[in-house]
Amino acid sequence: MSFYELPERVPAEFKNAAAGLDSPLLRTELVSEQIHSPEGISKDSLAFATEAPNKASETKNRGVGRLVFIYDKKQSETWGGNMRIIAYGKSPMKESERGVQEDDSHWYWGMLIRALINHGAKFINEAGTVTTIKSKGMGSIAEDTTSTEIEIRASWTPVDGDFGPHFAAWQDLIAGMAGFNPDGEVVVELRKAQ
């Protein structure tokens, strides 16, 4: 049984690519579910959300993300195809979890590209941004420690006709951003959106 639902009338090419999601590589550290696609993004799309739930001692989730597969029958010159994947991830960042000294933007962008390559995902025209957000309390919360979040927004064109490797790579990205081993484990709780 599939963990997602497609509308009855979707293009065959999109439906065939989504069929690869029947057995994707999933992470035990994450909870994932199908969500409604953003309004106006595409008539034919499929969206998911995932999170690395917080430990009881932590106030917010360690990692969250969204992934949207979109289809447009008119092949986009910018995309280089008629399908596109849009990914988002965000997590609090602890220097001790990374253990590297290189530039944060290159580190997290590299994590995404490595995950795609490791899962054998074929892609072109990748683009995106990596943002580091530092927050320092002021006034009555001035004693709070400085916090840092990392956010990645990316998109790429799949050229392999199979969304499965792309989904698995995104799972590795979110798990890695949350401080887990990017090469992690398999099988996670899945829920259908209500």
C-alpha atoms as a PDB file:
ATOM      1  CA  MET A   1       0.000   0.000   0.000  1.00  0.00           C
ATOM      2  CA  SER A   2       1.275   3.436  -0.925  1.00  0.00           C
ATOM      3  CA  PHE A   3       1.837   6.187   1.639  1.00  0.00           C
ATOM      4  CA  TYR A   4       0.596   8.883  -0.726  1.00  0.00           C
ATOM      5  CA  GLU A   5      -2.411   9.540  -2.941  1.00  0.00           C
ATOM      6  CA  LEU A   6      -2.435  11.018  -6.413  1.00  0.00           C
ATOM      7  CA  PRO A   7      -5.550  12.426  -8.045  1.00  0.00           C
ATOM      8  CA  GLU A   8      -7.123  10.029 -10.544  1.00  0.00           C
ATOM      9  CA  ARG A   9      -6.248  12.141 -13.574  1.00  0.00           C
ATOM     10  CA  VAL A  10      -2.557  12.939 -13.637  1.00  0.00           C
ATOM     11  CA  PRO A  11      -0.215  12.703 -16.619  1.00  0.00           C
ATOM     12  CA  ALA A  12       1.209   9.199 -17.098  1.00  0.00           C
ATOM     13  CA  GLU A  13       4.796  10.482 -16.947  1.00  0.00           C
ATOM     14  CA  PHE A  14       4.187  12.082 -13.545  1.00  0.00           C
ATOM     15  CA  LYS A  15       2.303   9.026 -12.240  1.00  0.00           C
ATOM     16  CA  ASN A  16       5.122   6.694 -13.357  1.00  0.00           C
ATOM     17  CA  ALA A  17       7.773   8.855 -11.660  1.00  0.00           C
ATOM     18  CA  ALA A  18       5.710   8.920  -8.451  1.00  0.00           C
ATOM     19  CA  ALA A  19       5.439   5.115  -8.511  1.00  0.00           C
ATOM     20  CA  GLY A  20       9.056   5.046  -7.308  1.00  0.00           C
ATOM     21  CA  LEU A  21       7.796   6.431  -3.999  1.00  0.00           C
ATOM     22  CA  ASP A  22       6.178   3.099  -3.128  1.00  0.00           C
ATOM     23  CA  SER A  23       9.413   1.913  -1.552  1.00  0.00           C
ATOM     24  CA  PRO A  24      11.683   4.896  -0.900  1.00  0.00           C
ATOM     25  CA  LEU A  25      14.584   4.846   1.484  1.00  0.00           C
ATOM     26  CA  LEU A  26      13.147   6.436   4.625  1.00  0.00           C
ATOM     27  CA  ARG A  27      14.746   7.506   7.885  1.00  0.00           C
ATOM     28  CA  THR A  28      13.717   6.152  11.299  1.00  0.00           C
ATOM     29  CA  GLU A  29      14.606   9.473  12.921  1.00  0.00           C
ATOM     30  CA  LEU A  30      11.975  11.292  10.865  1.00  0.00           C
ATOM     31  CA  VAL A  31       8.194  11.407  10.735  1.00  0.00           C
ATOM     32  CA  SER A  32       6.899  12.120   7.229  1.00  0.00           C
ATOM     33  CA  GLU A  33       3.483  12.682   5.706  1.00  0.00           C
ATOM     34  CA  GLN A  34       1.861  13.779   2.501  1.00  0.00           C
ATOM     35  CA  ILE A  35       0.593  17.348   2.670  1.00  0.00           C
ATOM     36  CA  HIS A  36      -1.440  19.546   0.365  1.00  0.00           C
ATOM     37  CA  SER A  37       0.649  21.150  -2.358  1.00  0.00           C
ATOM     38  CA  PRO A  38       1.096  24.912  -2.152  1.00  0.00           C
ATOM     39  CA  GLU A  39      -1.662  26.884  -3.875  1.00  0.00           C
ATOM     40  CA  GLY A  40      -0.977  27.818  -7.471  1.00  0.00           C
ATOM     41  CA  ILE A  41       2.291  25.923  -7.767  1.00  0.00           C
ATOM     42  CA  SER A  42       1.083  23.448 -10.415  1.00  0.00           C
ATOM     43  CA  LYS A  43      -2.072  21.574 -11.321  1.00  0.00           C
ATOM     44  CA  ASP A  44      -0.105  18.339 -11.047  1.00  0.00           C
ATOM     45  CA  SER A  45       2.006  18.160  -7.906  1.00  0.00           C
ATOM     46  CA  LEU A  46       2.741  15.999  -4.905  1.00  0.00           C
ATOM     47  CA  ALA A  47       4.018  17.364  -1.580  1.00  0.00           C
ATOM     48  CA  PHE A  48       5.449  15.959   1.635  1.00  0.00           C
ATOM     49  CA  ALA A  49       6.522  17.290   5.033  1.00  0.00           C
ATOM     50  CA  THR A  50       8.971  15.705   7.416  1.00  0.00           C
ATOM     51  CA  GLU A  51      10.401  16.476  10.813  1.00  0.00           C
ATOM     52  CA  ALA A  52      12.930  15.158  13.271  1.00  0.00           C
ATOM     53  CA  PRO A  53      10.832  15.399  16.461  1.00  0.00           C
ATOM     54  CA  ASN A  54      12.373  17.131  19.437  1.00  0.00           C
ATOM     55  CA  LYS A  55      13.728  15.331  22.460  1.00  0.00           C
ATOM     56  CA  ALA A  56      11.785  15.981  25.656  1.00  0.00           C
ATOM     57  CA  SER A  57      14.569  18.317  26.816  1.00  0.00           C
ATOM     58  CA  GLU A  58      14.418  20.488  23.691  1.00  0.00           C
ATOM     59  CA  THR A  59      11.824  23.137  22.933  1.00  0.00           C
ATOM     60  CA  LYS A  60      11.712  22.904  19.161  1.00  0.00           C
ATOM     61  CA  ASN A  61      12.109  20.366  16.405  1.00  0.00           C
ATOM     62  CA  ARG A  62      15.668  19.587  15.393  1.00  0.00           C
ATOM     63  CA  GLY A  63      14.860  19.538  11.694  1.00  0.00           C
ATOM     64  CA  VAL A  64      11.854  20.195   9.474  1.00  0.00           C
ATOM     65  CA  GLY A  65      11.362  20.161   5.739  1.00  0.00           C
ATOM     66  CA  ARG A  66       9.021  20.114   2.768  1.00  0.00           C
ATOM     67  CA  LEU A  67       9.412  18.540  -0.649  1.00  0.00           C
ATOM     68  CA  VAL A  68       7.221  19.186  -3.692  1.00  0.00           C
ATOM     69  CA  PHE A  69       7.279  17.309  -6.986  1.00  0.00           C
ATOM     70  CA  ILE A  70       5.705  19.346  -9.784  1.00  0.00           C
ATOM     71  CA  TYR A  71       4.799  18.672 -13.395  1.00  0.00           C
ATOM     72  CA  ASP A  72       4.117  21.033 -16.278  1.00  0.00           C
ATOM     73  CA  LYS A  73       3.299  19.546 -19.666  1.00  0.00           C
ATOM     74  CA  LYS A  74       5.083  22.484 -21.317  1.00  0.00           C
ATOM     75  CA  GLN A  75       8.777  21.752 -20.994  1.00  0.00           C
ATOM     76  CA  SER A  76      10.401  24.682 -19.237  1.00  0.00           C
ATOM     77  CA  GLU A  77      13.616  25.979 -20.798  1.00  0.00           C
ATOM     78  CA  THR A  78      14.874  26.967 -17.344  1.00  0.00           C
ATOM     79  CA  TRP A  79      14.064  23.558 -15.869  1.00  0.00           C
ATOM     80  CA  GLY A  80      15.355  21.574 -18.846  1.00  0.00           C
ATOM     81  CA  GLY A  81      12.344  19.246 -18.524  1.00  0.00           C
ATOM     82  CA  ASN A  82       8.688  19.178 -17.572  1.00  0.00           C
ATOM     83  CA  MET A  83       9.160  18.103 -13.940  1.00  0.00           C
ATOM     84  CA  ARG A  84      10.807  19.970 -11.086  1.00  0.00           C
ATOM     85  CA  ILE A  85      11.519  19.178  -7.440  1.00  0.00           C
ATOM     86  CA  ILE A  86      11.405  21.932  -4.825  1.00  0.00           C
ATOM     87  CA  ALA A  87      12.944  21.218  -1.421  1.00  0.00           C
ATOM     88  CA  TYR A  88      13.134  23.117   1.846  1.00  0.00           C
ATOM     89  CA  GLY A  89      14.871  22.283   5.105  1.00  0.00           C
ATOM     90  CA  LYS A  90      15.493  24.139   8.362  1.00  0.00           C
ATOM     91  CA  SER A  91      17.158  23.203  11.618  1.00  0.00           C
ATOM     92  CA  PRO A  92      18.790  24.721  14.682  1.00  0.00           C
ATOM     93  CA  MET A  93      22.531  24.435  14.206  1.00  0.00           C
ATOM     94  CA  LYS A  94      25.094  23.417  16.792  1.00  0.00           C
ATOM     95  CA  GLU A  95      28.728  23.698  15.830  1.00  0.00           C
ATOM     96  CA  SER A  96      29.468  20.562  17.869  1.00  0.00           C
ATOM     97  CA  GLU A  97      27.046  18.509  15.717  1.00  0.00           C
ATOM     98  CA  ARG A  98      28.853  19.383  12.467  1.00  0.00           C
ATOM     99  CA  GLY A  99      32.429  19.043  13.554  1.00  0.00           C
ATOM    100  CA  VAL A 100      33.692  20.940  10.484  1.00  0.00           C
ATOM    101  CA  GLN A 101      35.216  24.356  10.034  1.00  0.00           C
ATOM    102  CA  GLU A 102      34.293  25.110   6.429  1.00  0.00           C
ATOM    103  CA  ASP A 103      31.709  27.591   5.228  1.00  0.00           C
ATOM    104  CA  ASP A 104      28.187  26.613   6.368  1.00  0.00           C
ATOM    105  CA  SER A 105      26.559  27.321   3.011  1.00  0.00           C
ATOM    106  CA  HIS A 106      28.915  25.038   1.098  1.00  0.00           C
ATOM    107  CA  TRP A 107      28.697  22.352   3.784  1.00  0.00           C
ATOM    108  CA  TYR A 108      24.880  22.062   3.662  1.00  0.00           C
ATOM    109  CA  TRP A 109      24.618  22.489  -0.113  1.00  0.00           C
ATOM    110  CA  GLY A 110      27.225  19.750  -0.447  1.00  0.00           C
ATOM    111  CA  MET A 111      25.180  17.558   1.889  1.00  0.00           C
ATOM    112  CA  LEU A 112      22.216  17.799  -0.514  1.00  0.00           C
ATOM    113  CA  ILE A 113      24.288  17.084  -3.629  1.00  0.00           C
ATOM    114  CA  ARG A 114      26.064  14.139  -1.934  1.00  0.00           C
ATOM    115  CA  ALA A 115      22.721  12.676  -0.860  1.00  0.00           C
ATOM    116  CA  LEU A 116      21.353  12.905  -4.407  1.00  0.00           C
ATOM    117  CA  ILE A 117      24.477  11.261  -5.818  1.00  0.00           C
ATOM    118  CA  ASN A 118      24.566   8.581  -3.092  1.00  0.00           C
ATOM    119  CA  HIS A 119      21.003   7.542  -3.944  1.00  0.00           C
ATOM    120  CA  GLY A 120      21.678   7.505  -7.662  1.00  0.00           C
ATOM    121  CA  ALA A 121      19.273  10.369  -8.395  1.00  0.00           C
ATOM    122  CA  LYS A 122      19.809  11.812 -11.862  1.00  0.00           C
ATOM    123  CA  PHE A 123      19.290  15.579 -12.005  1.00  0.00           C
ATOM    124  CA  ILE A 124      20.155  18.787 -13.837  1.00  0.00           C
ATOM    125  CA  ASN A 125      19.769  22.533 -13.309  1.00  0.00           C
ATOM    126  CA  GLU A 126      20.063  22.484  -9.530  1.00  0.00           C
ATOM    127  CA  ALA A 127      19.667  25.870  -7.859  1.00  0.00           C
ATOM    128  CA  GLY A 128      19.092  27.175  -4.379  1.00  0.00           C
ATOM    129  CA  THR A 129      20.125  29.170  -1.348  1.00  0.00           C
ATOM    130  CA  VAL A 130      21.522  28.328   2.060  1.00  0.00           C
ATOM    131  CA  THR A 131      20.857  30.863   4.797  1.00  0.00           C
ATOM    132  CA  THR A 132      22.342  31.042   8.290  1.00  0.00           C
ATOM    133  CA  ILE A 133      20.202  32.945  10.783  1.00  0.00           C
ATOM    134  CA  LYS A 134      21.729  34.060  14.097  1.00  0.00           C
ATOM    135  CA  SER A 135      19.480  35.319  16.883  1.00  0.00           C
ATOM    136  CA  LYS A 136      20.534  37.089  20.091  1.00  0.00           C
ATOM    137  CA  GLY A 137      18.122  37.898  22.885  1.00  0.00           C
ATOM    138  CA  MET A 138      17.689  41.563  23.855  1.00  0.00           C
ATOM    139  CA  GLY A 139      16.038  43.360  26.738  1.00  0.00           C
ATOM    140  CA  SER A 140      14.507  40.966  29.275  1.00  0.00           C
ATOM    141  CA  ILE A 141      15.793  37.951  27.345  1.00  0.00           C
ATOM    142  CA  ALA A 142      19.332  39.308  26.862  1.00  0.00           C
ATOM    143  CA  GLU A 143      20.719  36.480  28.997  1.00  0.00           C
ATOM    144  CA  ASP A 144      19.487  33.883  26.466  1.00  0.00           C
ATOM    145  CA  THR A 145      22.265  32.331  24.465  1.00  0.00           C
ATOM    146  CA  THR A 146      22.725  33.189  20.831  1.00  0.00           C
ATOM    147  CA  SER A 147      20.944  30.678  18.603  1.00  0.00           C
ATOM    148  CA  THR A 148      21.712  29.804  15.008  1.00  0.00           C
ATOM    149  CA  GLU A 149      19.458  28.206  12.410  1.00  0.00           C
ATOM    150  CA  ILE A 150      20.355  26.913   8.999  1.00  0.00           C
ATOM    151  CA  GLU A 151      17.842  27.003   6.146  1.00  0.00           C
ATOM    152  CA  ILE A 152      18.169  25.508   2.674  1.00  0.00           C
ATOM    153  CA  ARG A 153      15.898  26.138  -0.299  1.00  0.00           C
ATOM    154  CA  ALA A 154      16.678  24.143  -3.414  1.00  0.00           C
ATOM    155  CA  SER A 155      15.195  22.960  -6.662  1.00  0.00           C
ATOM    156  CA  TRP A 156      16.375  20.649  -9.405  1.00  0.00           C
ATOM    157  CA  THR A 157      15.067  18.826 -12.457  1.00  0.00           C
ATOM    158  CA  PRO A 158      14.862  15.018 -12.203  1.00  0.00           C
ATOM    159  CA  VAL A 159      15.896  13.257 -15.410  1.00  0.00           C
ATOM    160  CA  ASP A 160      15.544   9.632 -14.321  1.00  0.00           C
ATOM    161  CA  GLY A 161      11.739   9.263 -14.300  1.00  0.00           C
ATOM    162  CA  ASP A 162      11.793   8.035 -10.682  1.00  0.00           C
ATOM    163  CA  PHE A 163      11.055  10.252  -7.670  1.00  0.00           C
ATOM    164  CA  GLY A 164      12.192   7.575  -5.168  1.00  0.00           C
ATOM    165  CA  PRO A 165      15.933   8.413  -5.096  1.00  0.00           C
ATOM    166  CA  HIS A 166      15.170  12.135  -4.850  1.00  0.00           C
ATOM    167  CA  PHE A 167      12.803  11.576  -1.914  1.00  0.00           C
ATOM    168  CA  ALA A 168      15.388   9.397  -0.148  1.00  0.00           C
ATOM    169  CA  ALA A 169      18.092  12.033  -0.674  1.00  0.00           C
ATOM    170  CA  TRP A 170      15.843  14.727   0.792  1.00  0.00           C
ATOM    171  CA  GLN A 171      15.225  12.497   3.841  1.00  0.00           C
ATOM    172  CA  ASP A 172      19.006  12.215   4.300  1.00  0.00           C
ATOM    173  CA  LEU A 173      19.367  15.995   4.003  1.00  0.00           C
ATOM    174  CA  ILE A 174      16.784  16.701   6.737  1.00  0.00           C
ATOM    175  CA  ALA A 175      18.244  14.001   8.995  1.00  0.00           C
ATOM    176  CA  GLY A 176      21.744  15.397   8.433  1.00  0.00           C
ATOM    177  CA  MET A 177      20.584  18.937   9.175  1.00  0.00           C
ATOM    178  CA  ALA A 178      19.055  17.648  12.410  1.00  0.00           C
ATOM    179  CA  GLY A 179      22.421  16.251  13.493  1.00  0.00           C
ATOM    180  CA  PHE A 180      21.964  12.601  12.520  1.00  0.00           C
ATOM    181  CA  ASN A 181      24.359  10.646  10.337  1.00  0.00           C
ATOM    182  CA  PRO A 182      23.494  11.612   6.731  1.00  0.00           C
ATOM    183  CA  ASP A 183      23.971   7.979   5.678  1.00  0.00           C
ATOM    184  CA  GLY A 184      21.406   6.759   8.292  1.00  0.00           C
ATOM    185  CA  GLU A 185      18.823   4.053   8.504  1.00  0.00           C
ATOM    186  CA  VAL A 186      15.538   3.077   6.843  1.00  0.00           C
ATOM    187  CA  VAL A 187      11.785   2.929   7.559  1.00  0.00           C
ATOM    188  CA  VAL A 188       9.853   5.709   9.266  1.00  0.00           C
ATOM    189  CA  GLU A 189       6.302   6.441  10.374  1.00  0.00           C
ATOM    190  CA  LEU A 190       4.189   7.770   7.515  1.00  0.00           C
ATOM    191  CA  ARG A 191       0.793   9.441   7.756  1.00  0.00           C
ATOM    192  CA  LYS A 192      -1.638  10.611   5.104  1.00  0.00           C
ATOM    193  CA  ALA A 193      -2.797  14.210   5.376  1.00  0.00           C
ATOM    194  CA  GLN A 194      -6.344  14.563   6.651  1.00  0.00           C
END
